[in-house]
């Protein structure tokens, strides 16, 4: 199946490739305080570059973070999925949820589907989550997904430490 036509579906959600109509929401996220743990809280140009990277992953690699939407409403709620730019130490699986999308189980539901896809379609066996040490909500989600803290994993950033949580190799969280 062509990467542009690919979608994932859960009980409540549709995960699809980010579309041009999502750009303003992604840029707004990266310009806001909500993005402080994901390299954001940037001026417009920096936020635009972050958004462009999300689109570029799909163009270059044929995969990337999925745009998360509710069934029946195509408005983007966040991004969840595989992330592996050149130079990254390991295959990462990440998430970021936009304002108003937390506390509803959306990230967990989307992550379960996208993790399964990364294992089955992409063949990923080693999957890590790079998490800012102050981001307790992301730590809780990683643990809920079955990941375990790995203090020996290589750090992805030169300028700041990350907590690295590792998914079990052959399982997808239920």
Protein backbone atom coordinates (compact mmCIF):
# COMPACT_ATOMS: atom_id res chain seq x y z
CA UNK A 1 0.00 0.00 0.00
CA UNK A 2 1.20 3.50 -0.81
CA UNK A 3 2.33 5.44 2.30
CA UNK A 4 0.09 8.38 1.36
CA UNK A 5 -3.02 6.13 1.31
CA UNK A 6 -2.16 4.29 4.51
CA UNK A 7 -4.36 4.76 7.58
CA UNK A 8 -4.78 2.98 10.88
CA UNK A 9 -8.10 2.67 12.67
CA UNK A 10 -8.99 2.01 16.30
CA UNK A 11 -12.33 1.96 18.08
CA UNK A 12 -12.44 5.78 18.28
CA UNK A 13 -9.58 7.04 16.12
CA UNK A 14 -8.21 7.37 12.64
CA UNK A 15 -4.44 7.68 12.27
CA UNK A 16 -3.37 9.09 8.95
CA UNK A 17 -0.36 10.67 7.35
CA UNK A 18 -0.18 14.39 8.24
CA UNK A 19 -1.73 16.53 5.50
CA UNK A 20 -1.06 20.14 4.48
CA UNK A 21 -4.28 21.16 6.27
CA UNK A 22 -2.63 20.11 9.58
CA UNK A 23 0.32 22.53 9.27
CA UNK A 24 -1.20 25.41 11.23
CA UNK A 25 -2.08 23.13 14.17
CA UNK A 26 1.37 21.53 14.21
CA UNK A 27 3.12 24.92 13.99
CA UNK A 28 0.88 26.33 16.74
CA UNK A 29 1.80 23.37 18.96
CA UNK A 30 5.52 23.94 18.44
CA UNK A 31 5.11 27.65 19.22
CA UNK A 32 3.30 26.90 22.48
CA UNK A 33 4.40 25.99 26.00
CA UNK A 34 2.82 22.54 25.44
CA UNK A 35 5.80 21.63 23.27
CA UNK A 36 8.42 22.45 25.89
CA UNK A 37 9.37 18.78 26.26
CA UNK A 38 9.55 18.03 22.53
CA UNK A 39 11.98 20.65 21.27
CA UNK A 40 9.35 23.29 20.77
CA UNK A 41 8.18 26.54 22.35
CA UNK A 42 9.86 28.20 19.41
CA UNK A 43 9.32 31.27 17.26
CA UNK A 44 7.40 30.82 14.02
CA UNK A 45 10.35 29.80 11.83
CA UNK A 46 11.61 27.20 14.31
CA UNK A 47 8.10 25.81 14.73
CA UNK A 48 7.69 25.68 10.95
CA UNK A 49 10.95 23.69 10.66
CA UNK A 50 9.70 21.22 13.27
CA UNK A 51 6.46 20.78 11.31
CA UNK A 52 8.41 20.37 8.07
CA UNK A 53 10.45 17.60 9.71
CA UNK A 54 7.23 15.74 10.52
CA UNK A 55 6.17 15.86 6.86
CA UNK A 56 9.71 15.10 5.67
CA UNK A 57 9.93 11.85 7.62
CA UNK A 58 7.05 10.49 5.54
CA UNK A 59 8.52 11.72 2.26
CA UNK A 60 12.04 10.45 2.92
CA UNK A 61 11.42 7.28 4.93
CA UNK A 62 7.87 6.28 4.00
CA UNK A 63 6.84 6.48 7.66
CA UNK A 64 6.59 9.04 10.42
CA UNK A 65 4.36 10.28 13.17
CA UNK A 66 0.70 9.72 12.42
CA UNK A 67 -1.85 12.54 12.60
CA UNK A 68 -4.38 11.42 15.21
CA UNK A 69 -8.05 12.27 14.58
CA UNK A 70 -11.37 11.17 16.02
CA UNK A 71 -13.63 9.15 13.73
CA UNK A 72 -16.04 11.55 12.07
CA UNK A 73 -13.84 14.61 12.72
CA UNK A 74 -10.67 15.06 10.69
CA UNK A 75 -9.22 17.74 13.01
CA UNK A 76 -5.75 16.77 14.16
CA UNK A 77 -5.44 16.05 17.91
CA UNK A 78 -1.74 15.22 17.99
CA UNK A 79 1.00 13.13 16.42
CA UNK A 80 2.00 9.59 17.42
CA UNK A 81 4.36 7.09 15.87
CA UNK A 82 7.76 6.07 14.57
CA UNK A 83 10.52 8.66 14.32
CA UNK A 84 13.97 7.88 12.98
CA UNK A 85 15.89 10.75 11.41
CA UNK A 86 19.46 10.26 10.18
CA UNK A 87 21.89 10.21 13.07
CA UNK A 88 19.34 9.09 15.67
CA UNK A 89 20.82 6.39 17.92
CA UNK A 90 17.82 4.04 17.78
CA UNK A 91 14.36 3.68 16.31
CA UNK A 92 12.19 5.97 18.39
CA UNK A 93 8.46 5.96 18.88
CA UNK A 94 7.08 9.27 20.07
CA UNK A 95 3.91 11.23 20.71
CA UNK A 96 2.72 14.74 21.23
CA UNK A 97 -0.84 15.68 21.97
CA UNK A 98 -2.35 19.07 21.26
CA UNK A 99 -4.25 21.21 23.74
CA UNK A 100 -7.51 19.59 24.86
CA UNK A 101 -6.50 16.04 23.86
CA UNK A 102 -4.95 14.83 27.11
CA UNK A 103 -6.63 12.76 29.77
CA UNK A 104 -8.99 10.94 27.40
CA UNK A 105 -6.92 7.86 26.57
CA UNK A 106 -6.36 9.12 23.03
CA UNK A 107 -2.55 8.95 23.14
CA UNK A 108 -2.63 5.43 24.59
CA UNK A 109 -5.16 4.17 22.04
CA UNK A 110 -3.28 5.76 19.14
CA UNK A 111 0.09 4.54 20.41
CA UNK A 112 -1.11 0.95 20.70
CA UNK A 113 -2.19 0.92 17.05
CA UNK A 114 0.91 2.72 15.80
CA UNK A 115 3.27 0.47 17.82
CA UNK A 116 1.62 -2.59 16.31
CA UNK A 117 2.06 -1.08 12.84
CA UNK A 118 5.74 -0.24 13.48
CA UNK A 119 6.37 -3.84 14.46
CA UNK A 120 4.33 -5.47 11.70
CA UNK A 121 4.71 -3.15 8.70
CA UNK A 122 8.13 -1.64 9.42
CA UNK A 123 9.59 -4.69 11.15
CA UNK A 124 10.88 -2.66 14.11
CA UNK A 125 12.06 -4.86 16.99
CA UNK A 126 14.06 -2.31 18.99
CA UNK A 127 11.82 0.61 19.95
CA UNK A 128 12.67 3.35 22.42
CA UNK A 129 10.96 6.47 23.71
CA UNK A 130 13.14 9.54 24.38
CA UNK A 131 11.48 11.49 27.18
CA UNK A 132 12.37 14.75 28.87
CA UNK A 133 13.03 13.96 32.56
CA UNK A 134 10.41 16.53 33.62
CA UNK A 135 7.64 15.05 31.45
CA UNK A 136 5.82 12.83 33.96
CA UNK A 137 2.82 12.29 31.64
CA UNK A 138 5.04 10.82 28.92
CA UNK A 139 6.84 8.60 31.40
CA UNK A 140 3.45 7.31 32.59
CA UNK A 141 2.34 6.64 29.00
CA UNK A 142 5.58 4.82 28.15
CA UNK A 143 5.15 2.61 31.22
CA UNK A 144 1.48 1.99 30.44
CA UNK A 145 2.58 0.84 26.97
CA UNK A 146 4.91 -1.68 28.61
CA UNK A 147 8.22 0.17 28.20
CA UNK A 148 10.96 -0.08 30.82
CA UNK A 149 13.53 2.57 31.73
CA UNK A 150 16.94 1.80 30.18
CA UNK A 151 19.70 3.90 31.80
CA UNK A 152 22.35 2.26 29.57
CA UNK A 153 20.80 3.33 26.25
CA UNK A 154 22.69 5.86 24.13
CA UNK A 155 21.54 9.44 24.59
CA UNK A 156 19.99 11.15 21.54
CA UNK A 157 20.82 14.74 22.48
CA UNK A 158 24.21 16.32 23.08
CA UNK A 159 22.85 19.33 24.97
CA UNK A 160 20.34 17.72 27.38
CA UNK A 161 19.69 14.34 28.96
CA UNK A 162 16.71 12.17 28.11
CA UNK A 163 15.07 9.31 29.92
CA UNK A 164 15.08 6.36 27.55
CA UNK A 165 12.29 3.82 27.86
CA UNK A 166 12.54 0.61 25.86
CA UNK A 167 9.63 -1.48 24.58
CA UNK A 168 9.84 -5.26 24.99
CA UNK A 169 11.33 -6.68 21.78
CA UNK A 170 8.63 -9.07 20.68
CA UNK A 171 5.49 -7.77 22.29
CA UNK A 172 3.02 -5.02 21.62
CA UNK A 173 1.28 -3.63 24.71
CA UNK A 174 -2.31 -4.85 25.01
